[in-house]
Full PDB file with SEQRES, HELIX, SHEET, SSBOND, CRYST1, ORIGX, SCALE, CONECT and MASTER records, all heavy atoms in Angstrom:
SEQRES   1 A   31  LYS ILE ALA GLY ILE LEU LEU GLN ILE ASP VAL LEU PHE          
SEQRES   2 A   31  ARG SER PHE LYS LEU PHE GLU PRO GLY GLN THR VAL TYR          
SEQRES   3 A   31  LEU THR ILE GLU LYS                                          
CRYST1    1.000    1.000    1.000  90.00  90.00  90.00 P 1           1          
ORIGX1      1.000000  0.000000  0.000000        0.00000                         
ORIGX2      0.000000  1.000000  0.000000        0.00000                         
ORIGX3      0.000000  0.000000  1.000000        0.00000                         
SCALE1      1.000000  0.000000  0.000000        0.00000                         
SCALE2      0.000000  1.000000  0.000000        0.00000                         
SCALE3      0.000000  0.000000  1.000000        0.00000                         
ATOM      1  N   LYS A   1     -39.722 -36.956  16.888  1.00  0.00           N  
ATOM      2  CA  LYS A   1     -39.930 -38.224  16.169  1.00  0.00           C  
ATOM      3  C   LYS A   1     -39.713 -39.395  17.119  1.00  0.00           C  
ATOM      4  O   LYS A   1     -38.743 -39.428  17.874  1.00  0.00           O  
ATOM      5  CB  LYS A   1     -38.973 -38.320  14.981  1.00  0.00           C  
ATOM      6  CG  LYS A   1     -39.177 -39.569  14.111  1.00  0.00           C  
ATOM      7  CD  LYS A   1     -38.161 -39.628  12.983  1.00  0.00           C  
ATOM      8  CE  LYS A   1     -38.456 -38.603  11.905  1.00  0.00           C  
ATOM      9  NZ  LYS A   1     -37.565 -38.792  10.716  1.00  0.00           N  
ATOM     10  N   ILE A   2     -40.665 -40.336  17.056  1.00  0.00           N  
ATOM     11  CA  ILE A   2     -40.555 -41.589  17.810  1.00  0.00           C  
ATOM     12  C   ILE A   2     -40.806 -42.735  16.831  1.00  0.00           C  
ATOM     13  O   ILE A   2     -41.900 -42.837  16.269  1.00  0.00           O  
ATOM     14  CB  ILE A   2     -41.589 -41.670  18.947  1.00  0.00           C  
ATOM     15  CG1 ILE A   2     -41.550 -40.421  19.836  1.00  0.00           C  
ATOM     16  CG2 ILE A   2     -41.370 -42.922  19.794  1.00  0.00           C  
ATOM     17  CD1 ILE A   2     -42.659 -40.381  20.857  1.00  0.00           C  
ATOM     18  N   ALA A   3     -39.818 -43.563  16.607  1.00  0.00           N  
ATOM     19  CA  ALA A   3     -39.953 -44.730  15.719  1.00  0.00           C  
ATOM     20  C   ALA A   3     -40.533 -44.322  14.359  1.00  0.00           C  
ATOM     21  O   ALA A   3     -41.402 -44.990  13.821  1.00  0.00           O  
ATOM     22  CB  ALA A   3     -40.835 -45.795  16.384  1.00  0.00           C  
ATOM     23  N   GLY A   4     -40.060 -43.199  13.850  1.00  0.00           N  
ATOM     24  CA  GLY A   4     -40.510 -42.726  12.546  1.00  0.00           C  
ATOM     25  C   GLY A   4     -41.824 -41.983  12.557  1.00  0.00           C  
ATOM     26  O   GLY A   4     -42.296 -41.516  11.512  1.00  0.00           O  
ATOM     27  N   ILE A   5     -42.453 -41.842  13.729  1.00  0.00           N  
ATOM     28  CA  ILE A   5     -43.756 -41.162  13.856  1.00  0.00           C  
ATOM     29  C   ILE A   5     -43.530 -39.775  14.449  1.00  0.00           C  
ATOM     30  O   ILE A   5     -42.842 -39.621  15.465  1.00  0.00           O  
ATOM     31  CB  ILE A   5     -44.703 -41.992  14.747  1.00  0.00           C  
ATOM     32  CG1 ILE A   5     -44.960 -43.365  14.090  1.00  0.00           C  
ATOM     33  CG2 ILE A   5     -46.016 -41.257  14.970  1.00  0.00           C  
ATOM     34  CD1 ILE A   5     -45.593 -44.369  15.018  1.00  0.00           C  
ATOM     35  N   LEU A   6     -44.102 -38.758  13.800  1.00  0.00           N  
ATOM     36  CA  LEU A   6     -43.925 -37.377  14.236  1.00  0.00           C  
ATOM     37  C   LEU A   6     -45.029 -36.957  15.201  1.00  0.00           C  
ATOM     38  O   LEU A   6     -46.206 -37.256  14.993  1.00  0.00           O  
ATOM     39  CB  LEU A   6     -43.921 -36.434  13.031  1.00  0.00           C  
ATOM     40  CG  LEU A   6     -42.807 -36.632  12.006  1.00  0.00           C  
ATOM     41  CD1 LEU A   6     -42.971 -35.667  10.842  1.00  0.00           C  
ATOM     42  CD2 LEU A   6     -41.431 -36.449  12.648  1.00  0.00           C  
ATOM     43  N   LEU A   7     -44.647 -36.254  16.251  1.00  0.00           N  
ATOM     44  CA  LEU A   7     -45.581 -35.651  17.200  1.00  0.00           C  
ATOM     45  C   LEU A   7     -45.238 -34.182  17.349  1.00  0.00           C  
ATOM     46  O   LEU A   7     -44.072 -33.790  17.211  1.00  0.00           O  
ATOM     47  CB  LEU A   7     -45.498 -36.325  18.568  1.00  0.00           C  
ATOM     48  CG  LEU A   7     -45.928 -37.783  18.706  1.00  0.00           C  
ATOM     49  CD1 LEU A   7     -45.742 -38.231  20.154  1.00  0.00           C  
ATOM     50  CD2 LEU A   7     -47.374 -37.961  18.283  1.00  0.00           C  
ATOM     51  N   GLN A   8     -46.253 -33.372  17.664  1.00  0.00           N  
ATOM     52  CA  GLN A   8     -46.015 -31.955  17.936  1.00  0.00           C  
ATOM     53  C   GLN A   8     -46.353 -31.655  19.390  1.00  0.00           C  
ATOM     54  O   GLN A   8     -47.305 -32.192  19.945  1.00  0.00           O  
ATOM     55  CB  GLN A   8     -46.825 -31.093  16.980  1.00  0.00           C  
ATOM     56  CG  GLN A   8     -46.344 -31.243  15.539  1.00  0.00           C  
ATOM     57  CD  GLN A   8     -46.961 -30.244  14.593  1.00  0.00           C  
ATOM     58  OE1 GLN A   8     -48.123 -29.894  14.716  1.00  0.00           O  
ATOM     59  NE2 GLN A   8     -46.169 -29.778  13.632  1.00  0.00           N  
ATOM     60  N   ILE A   9     -45.539 -30.792  19.981  1.00  0.00           N  
ATOM     61  CA  ILE A   9     -45.652 -30.466  21.398  1.00  0.00           C  
ATOM     62  C   ILE A   9     -45.608 -28.951  21.543  1.00  0.00           C  
ATOM     63  O   ILE A   9     -44.699 -28.299  21.011  1.00  0.00           O  
ATOM     64  CB  ILE A   9     -44.490 -31.097  22.200  1.00  0.00           C  
ATOM     65  CG1 ILE A   9     -44.465 -32.610  21.982  1.00  0.00           C  
ATOM     66  CG2 ILE A   9     -44.591 -30.756  23.681  1.00  0.00           C  
ATOM     67  CD1 ILE A   9     -43.143 -33.228  22.337  1.00  0.00           C  
ATOM     68  N   ASP A  10     -46.563 -28.394  22.265  1.00  0.00           N  
ATOM     69  CA  ASP A  10     -46.605 -26.948  22.502  1.00  0.00           C  
ATOM     70  C   ASP A  10     -46.178 -26.633  23.927  1.00  0.00           C  
ATOM     71  O   ASP A  10     -46.713 -27.220  24.882  1.00  0.00           O  
ATOM     72  CB  ASP A  10     -48.018 -26.403  22.273  1.00  0.00           C  
ATOM     73  CG  ASP A  10     -48.401 -26.373  20.806  1.00  0.00           C  
ATOM     74  OD1 ASP A  10     -47.523 -26.591  19.953  1.00  0.00           O  
ATOM     75  OD2 ASP A  10     -49.593 -26.127  20.510  1.00  0.00           O  
ATOM     76  N   VAL A  11     -45.231 -25.704  24.062  1.00  0.00           N  
ATOM     77  CA  VAL A  11     -44.829 -25.225  25.385  1.00  0.00           C  
ATOM     78  C   VAL A  11     -44.814 -23.699  25.352  1.00  0.00           C  
ATOM     79  O   VAL A  11     -44.634 -23.090  24.300  1.00  0.00           O  
ATOM     80  CB  VAL A  11     -43.438 -25.755  25.795  1.00  0.00           C  
ATOM     81  CG1 VAL A  11     -43.450 -27.277  25.883  1.00  0.00           C  
ATOM     82  CG2 VAL A  11     -42.363 -25.296  24.838  1.00  0.00           C  
ATOM     83  N   LEU A  12     -45.007 -23.079  26.517  1.00  0.00           N  
ATOM     84  CA  LEU A  12     -44.925 -21.627  26.581  1.00  0.00           C  
ATOM     85  C   LEU A  12     -43.520 -21.172  26.206  1.00  0.00           C  
ATOM     86  O   LEU A  12     -42.525 -21.766  26.638  1.00  0.00           O  
ATOM     87  CB  LEU A  12     -45.291 -21.122  27.975  1.00  0.00           C  
ATOM     88  CG  LEU A  12     -46.777 -21.145  28.322  1.00  0.00           C  
ATOM     89  CD1 LEU A  12     -46.981 -20.704  29.772  1.00  0.00           C  
ATOM     90  CD2 LEU A  12     -47.585 -20.258  27.386  1.00  0.00           C  
ATOM     91  N   PHE A  13     -43.447 -20.120  25.401  1.00  0.00           N  
ATOM     92  CA  PHE A  13     -42.176 -19.619  24.869  1.00  0.00           C  
ATOM     93  C   PHE A  13     -41.515 -18.741  25.929  1.00  0.00           C  
ATOM     94  O   PHE A  13     -41.793 -17.564  26.056  1.00  0.00           O  
ATOM     95  CB  PHE A  13     -42.467 -18.824  23.600  1.00  0.00           C  
ATOM     96  CG  PHE A  13     -41.242 -18.590  22.754  1.00  0.00           C  
ATOM     97  CD1 PHE A  13     -41.365 -17.931  21.538  1.00  0.00           C  
ATOM     98  CD2 PHE A  13     -39.989 -19.005  23.133  1.00  0.00           C  
ATOM     99  CE1 PHE A  13     -40.267 -17.701  20.726  1.00  0.00           C  
ATOM    100  CE2 PHE A  13     -38.875 -18.792  22.347  1.00  0.00           C  
ATOM    101  CZ  PHE A  13     -39.020 -18.130  21.136  1.00  0.00           C  
ATOM    102  N   ARG A  14     -40.632 -19.367  26.722  1.00  0.00           N  
ATOM    103  CA  ARG A  14     -39.914 -18.629  27.758  1.00  0.00           C  
ATOM    104  C   ARG A  14     -38.452 -18.495  27.360  1.00  0.00           C  
ATOM    105  O   ARG A  14     -38.032 -18.945  26.298  1.00  0.00           O  
ATOM    106  CB  ARG A  14     -40.044 -19.350  29.099  1.00  0.00           C  
ATOM    107  CG  ARG A  14     -41.505 -19.471  29.593  1.00  0.00           C  
ATOM    108  CD  ARG A  14     -41.525 -20.026  31.006  1.00  0.00           C  
ATOM    109  NE  ARG A  14     -42.891 -20.128  31.503  1.00  0.00           N  
ATOM    110  CZ  ARG A  14     -43.470 -21.257  31.845  1.00  0.00           C  
ATOM    111  NH1 ARG A  14     -42.811 -22.406  31.729  1.00  0.00           N  
ATOM    112  NH2 ARG A  14     -44.711 -21.272  32.309  1.00  0.00           N  
ATOM    113  N   SER A  15     -37.650 -17.915  28.226  1.00  0.00           N  
ATOM    114  CA  SER A  15     -36.249 -17.635  27.886  1.00  0.00           C  
ATOM    115  C   SER A  15     -35.302 -18.759  28.309  1.00  0.00           C  
ATOM    116  O   SER A  15     -34.108 -18.563  28.386  1.00  0.00           O  
ATOM    117  CB  SER A  15     -35.806 -16.325  28.553  1.00  0.00           C  
ATOM    118  OG  SER A  15     -35.975 -16.410  29.949  1.00  0.00           O  
ATOM    119  N   PHE A  16     -35.875 -19.946  28.645  1.00  0.00           N  
ATOM    120  CA  PHE A  16     -34.996 -21.047  29.031  1.00  0.00           C  
ATOM    121  C   PHE A  16     -34.299 -21.635  27.802  1.00  0.00           C  
ATOM    122  O   PHE A  16     -34.622 -21.339  26.678  1.00  0.00           O  
ATOM    123  CB  PHE A  16     -35.770 -22.128  29.789  1.00  0.00           C  
ATOM    124  CG  PHE A  16     -36.985 -22.628  29.053  1.00  0.00           C  
ATOM    125  CD1 PHE A  16     -36.863 -23.368  27.879  1.00  0.00           C  
ATOM    126  CD2 PHE A  16     -38.258 -22.361  29.545  1.00  0.00           C  
ATOM    127  CE1 PHE A  16     -37.964 -23.840  27.215  1.00  0.00           C  
ATOM    128  CE2 PHE A  16     -39.373 -22.825  28.860  1.00  0.00           C  
ATOM    129  CZ  PHE A  16     -39.224 -23.571  27.703  1.00  0.00           C  
ATOM    130  N   LYS A  17     -33.341 -22.525  28.062  1.00  0.00           N  
ATOM    131  CA  LYS A  17     -32.594 -23.163  26.976  1.00  0.00           C  
ATOM    132  C   LYS A  17     -33.532 -24.028  26.129  1.00  0.00           C  
ATOM    133  O   LYS A  17     -34.319 -24.796  26.643  1.00  0.00           O  
ATOM    134  CB  LYS A  17     -31.474 -24.030  27.558  1.00  0.00           C  
ATOM    135  CG  LYS A  17     -30.564 -24.643  26.495  1.00  0.00           C  
ATOM    136  CD  LYS A  17     -29.475 -25.475  27.144  1.00  0.00           C  
ATOM    137  CE  LYS A  17     -28.504 -26.026  26.094  1.00  0.00           C  
ATOM    138  NZ  LYS A  17     -29.161 -26.909  25.128  1.00  0.00           N  
ATOM    139  N   LEU A  18     -33.425 -23.873  24.820  1.00  0.00           N  
ATOM    140  CA  LEU A  18     -34.267 -24.618  23.897  1.00  0.00           C  
ATOM    141  C   LEU A  18     -33.737 -26.035  23.704  1.00  0.00           C  
ATOM    142  O   LEU A  18     -32.537 -26.295  23.846  1.00  0.00           O  
ATOM    143  CB  LEU A  18     -34.311 -23.917  22.538  1.00  0.00           C  
ATOM    144  CG  LEU A  18     -34.801 -22.470  22.523  1.00  0.00           C  
ATOM    145  CD1 LEU A  18     -34.674 -21.905  21.111  1.00  0.00           C  
ATOM    146  CD2 LEU A  18     -36.237 -22.383  23.005  1.00  0.00           C  
ATOM    147  N   PHE A  19     -34.652 -26.933  23.370  1.00  0.00           N  
ATOM    148  CA  PHE A  19     -34.244 -28.269  22.943  1.00  0.00           C  
ATOM    149  C   PHE A  19     -33.856 -28.169  21.473  1.00  0.00           C  
ATOM    150  O   PHE A  19     -34.616 -27.652  20.648  1.00  0.00           O  
ATOM    151  CB  PHE A  19     -35.394 -29.272  23.115  1.00  0.00           C  
ATOM    152  CG  PHE A  19     -35.862 -29.404  24.543  1.00  0.00           C  
ATOM    153  CD1 PHE A  19     -37.093 -28.900  24.933  1.00  0.00           C  
ATOM    154  CD2 PHE A  19     -35.057 -30.023  25.495  1.00  0.00           C  
ATOM    155  CE1 PHE A  19     -37.526 -29.017  26.245  1.00  0.00           C  
ATOM    156  CE2 PHE A  19     -35.481 -30.151  26.807  1.00  0.00           C  
ATOM    157  CZ  PHE A  19     -36.719 -29.640  27.183  1.00  0.00           C  
ATOM    158  N   GLU A  20     -32.685 -28.650  21.152  1.00  0.00           N  
ATOM    159  CA  GLU A  20     -32.138 -28.474  19.807  1.00  0.00           C  
ATOM    160  C   GLU A  20     -32.459 -29.667  18.907  1.00  0.00           C  
ATOM    161  O   GLU A  20     -32.624 -30.800  19.384  1.00  0.00           O  
ATOM    162  CB  GLU A  20     -30.615 -28.301  19.893  1.00  0.00           C  
ATOM    163  CG  GLU A  20     -30.166 -27.090  20.676  1.00  0.00           C  
ATOM    164  CD  GLU A  20     -30.572 -25.771  20.035  1.00  0.00           C  
ATOM    165  OE1 GLU A  20     -30.882 -25.776  18.828  1.00  0.00           O  
ATOM    166  OE2 GLU A  20     -30.592 -24.754  20.753  1.00  0.00           O  
ATOM    167  N   PRO A  21     -32.564 -29.433  17.587  1.00  0.00           N  
ATOM    168  CA  PRO A  21     -32.758 -30.539  16.650  1.00  0.00           C  
ATOM    169  C   PRO A  21     -31.691 -31.605  16.840  1.00  0.00           C  
ATOM    170  O   PRO A  21     -30.501 -31.295  16.990  1.00  0.00           O  
ATOM    171  CB  PRO A  21     -32.649 -29.858  15.284  1.00  0.00           C  
ATOM    172  CG  PRO A  21     -33.097 -28.453  15.538  1.00  0.00           C  
ATOM    173  CD  PRO A  21     -32.581 -28.123  16.911  1.00  0.00           C  
ATOM    174  N   GLY A  22     -32.116 -32.872  16.859  1.00  0.00           N  
ATOM    175  CA  GLY A  22     -31.207 -33.989  17.068  1.00  0.00           C  
ATOM    176  C   GLY A  22     -31.074 -34.402  18.516  1.00  0.00           C  
ATOM    177  O   GLY A  22     -30.535 -35.480  18.817  1.00  0.00           O  
ATOM    178  N   GLN A  23     -31.555 -33.560  19.441  1.00  0.00           N  
ATOM    179  CA  GLN A  23     -31.434 -33.858  20.869  1.00  0.00           C  
ATOM    180  C   GLN A  23     -32.446 -34.928  21.290  1.00  0.00           C  
ATOM    181  O   GLN A  23     -33.597 -34.925  20.851  1.00  0.00           O  
ATOM    182  CB  GLN A  23     -31.660 -32.584  21.684  1.00  0.00           C  
ATOM    183  CG  GLN A  23     -31.527 -32.769  23.192  1.00  0.00           C  
ATOM    184  CD  GLN A  23     -31.704 -31.456  23.942  1.00  0.00           C  
ATOM    185  OE1 GLN A  23     -31.740 -30.375  23.333  1.00  0.00           O  
ATOM    186  NE2 GLN A  23     -31.807 -31.532  25.256  1.00  0.00           N  
ATOM    187  N   THR A  24     -32.019 -35.853  22.163  1.00  0.00           N  
ATOM    188  CA  THR A  24     -32.936 -36.842  22.734  1.00  0.00           C  
ATOM    189  C   THR A  24     -33.709 -36.198  23.883  1.00  0.00           C  
ATOM    190  O   THR A  24     -33.114 -35.536  24.751  1.00  0.00           O  
ATOM    191  CB  THR A  24     -32.168 -38.065  23.255  1.00  0.00           C  
ATOM    192  OG1 THR A  24     -31.522 -38.711  22.147  1.00  0.00           O  
ATOM    193  CG2 THR A  24     -33.109 -39.066  23.918  1.00  0.00           C  
ATOM    194  N   VAL A  25     -35.025 -36.365  23.879  1.00  0.00           N  
ATOM    195  CA  VAL A  25     -35.880 -35.786  24.918  1.00  0.00           C  
ATOM    196  C   VAL A  25     -36.825 -36.874  25.426  1.00  0.00           C  
ATOM    197  O   VAL A  25     -36.975 -37.933  24.807  1.00  0.00           O  
ATOM    198  CB  VAL A  25     -36.693 -34.584  24.396  1.00  0.00           C  
ATOM    199  CG1 VAL A  25     -35.791 -33.389  24.105  1.00  0.00           C  
ATOM    200  CG2 VAL A  25     -37.514 -34.961  23.160  1.00  0.00           C  
ATOM    201  N   TYR A  26     -37.479 -36.564  26.545  1.00  0.00           N  
ATOM    202  CA  TYR A  26     -38.375 -37.527  27.184  1.00  0.00           C  
ATOM    203  C   TYR A  26     -39.758 -36.892  27.314  1.00  0.00           C  
ATOM    204  O   TYR A  26     -39.900 -35.767  27.804  1.00  0.00           O  
ATOM    205  CB  TYR A  26     -37.820 -37.946  28.543  1.00  0.00           C  
ATOM    206  CG  TYR A  26     -36.458 -38.587  28.406  1.00  0.00           C  
ATOM    207  CD1 TYR A  26     -35.296 -37.801  28.437  1.00  0.00           C  
ATOM    208  CD2 TYR A  26     -36.334 -39.954  28.171  1.00  0.00           C  
ATOM    209  CE1 TYR A  26     -34.047 -38.376  28.269  1.00  0.00           C  
ATOM    210  CE2 TYR A  26     -35.081 -40.538  27.997  1.00  0.00           C  
ATOM    211  CZ  TYR A  26     -33.944 -39.740  28.049  1.00  0.00           C  
ATOM    212  OH  TYR A  26     -32.713 -40.309  27.859  1.00  0.00           O  
ATOM    213  N   LEU A  27     -40.757 -37.607  26.831  1.00  0.00           N  
ATOM    214  CA  LEU A  27     -42.129 -37.107  26.824  1.00  0.00           C  
ATOM    215  C   LEU A  27     -42.953 -37.819  27.880  1.00  0.00           C  
ATOM    216  O   LEU A  27     -42.829 -39.042  28.060  1.00  0.00           O  
ATOM    217  CB  LEU A  27     -42.780 -37.327  25.454  1.00  0.00           C  
ATOM    218  CG  LEU A  27     -41.985 -36.924  24.214  1.00  0.00           C  
ATOM    219  CD1 LEU A  27     -42.812 -37.196  22.961  1.00  0.00           C  
ATOM    220  CD2 LEU A  27     -41.554 -35.463  24.281  1.00  0.00           C  
ATOM    221  N   THR A  28     -43.799 -37.052  28.549  1.00  0.00           N  
ATOM    222  CA  THR A  28     -44.762 -37.634  29.486  1.00  0.00           C  
ATOM    223  C   THR A  28     -46.164 -37.294  28.995  1.00  0.00           C  
ATOM    224  O   THR A  28     -46.497 -36.119  28.804  1.00  0.00           O  
ATOM    225  CB  THR A  28     -44.567 -37.074  30.907  1.00  0.00           C  
ATOM    226  OG1 THR A  28     -43.228 -37.353  31.334  1.00  0.00           O  
ATOM    227  CG2 THR A  28     -45.557 -37.709  31.873  1.00  0.00           C  
ATOM    228  N   ILE A  29     -46.975 -38.313  28.758  1.00  0.00           N  
ATOM    229  CA  ILE A  29     -48.348 -38.123  28.282  1.00  0.00           C  
ATOM    230  C   ILE A  29     -49.288 -38.863  29.225  1.00  0.00           C  
ATOM    231  O   ILE A  29     -49.217 -40.093  29.356  1.00  0.00           O  
ATOM    232  CB  ILE A  29     -48.537 -38.666  26.849  1.00  0.00           C  
ATOM    233  CG1 ILE A  29     -47.515 -38.042  25.891  1.00  0.00           C  
ATOM    234  CG2 ILE A  29     -49.955 -38.406  26.361  1.00  0.00           C  
ATOM    235  CD1 ILE A  29     -47.566 -38.611  24.481  1.00  0.00           C  
ATOM    236  N   GLU A  30     -50.144 -38.136  29.899  1.00  0.00           N  
ATOM    237  CA  GLU A  30     -51.119 -38.780  30.779  1.00  0.00           C  
ATOM    238  C   GLU A  30     -52.127 -39.554  29.928  1.00  0.00           C  
ATOM    239  O   GLU A  30     -52.588 -39.068  28.885  1.00  0.00           O  
ATOM    240  CB  GLU A  30     -51.838 -37.731  31.636  1.00  0.00           C  
ATOM    241  CG  GLU A  30     -50.931 -37.073  32.660  1.00  0.00           C  
ATOM    242  CD  GLU A  30     -51.721 -36.212  33.625  1.00  0.00           C  
ATOM    243  OE1 GLU A  30     -52.924 -36.503  33.843  1.00  0.00           O  
ATOM    244  OE2 GLU A  30     -51.139 -35.241  34.153  1.00  0.00           O  
ATOM    245  N   LYS A  31     -52.469 -40.747  30.387  1.00  0.00           N  
ATOM    246  CA  LYS A  31     -53.376 -41.602  29.619  1.00  0.00           C  
ATOM    247  C   LYS A  31     -54.745 -40.944  29.412  1.00  0.00           C  
ATOM    248  O   LYS A  31     -55.387 -41.144  28.377  1.00  0.00           O  
ATOM    249  CB  LYS A  31     -53.526 -42.958  30.320  1.00  0.00           C  
ATOM    250  CG  LYS A  31     -52.234 -43.769  30.310  1.00  0.00           C  
ATOM    251  CD  LYS A  31     -52.420 -45.146  30.936  1.00  0.00           C  
ATOM    252  CE  LYS A  31     -51.112 -45.940  30.887  1.00  0.00           C  
ATOM    253  NZ  LYS A  31     -51.260 -47.304  31.452  1.00  0.00           N  
TER     254      LYS A  31                                                      
MASTER        0    0    0    0    0    0    0    6  253    1    0    3          
END                                                                             
């Protein structure tokens, strides 16, 4: 969620640590 707007992001399901609900994350989107 960004400013009340929902986005969905797909990543390959690997065994690394997951991003948890409530966690702040940073998105990079090429123009």
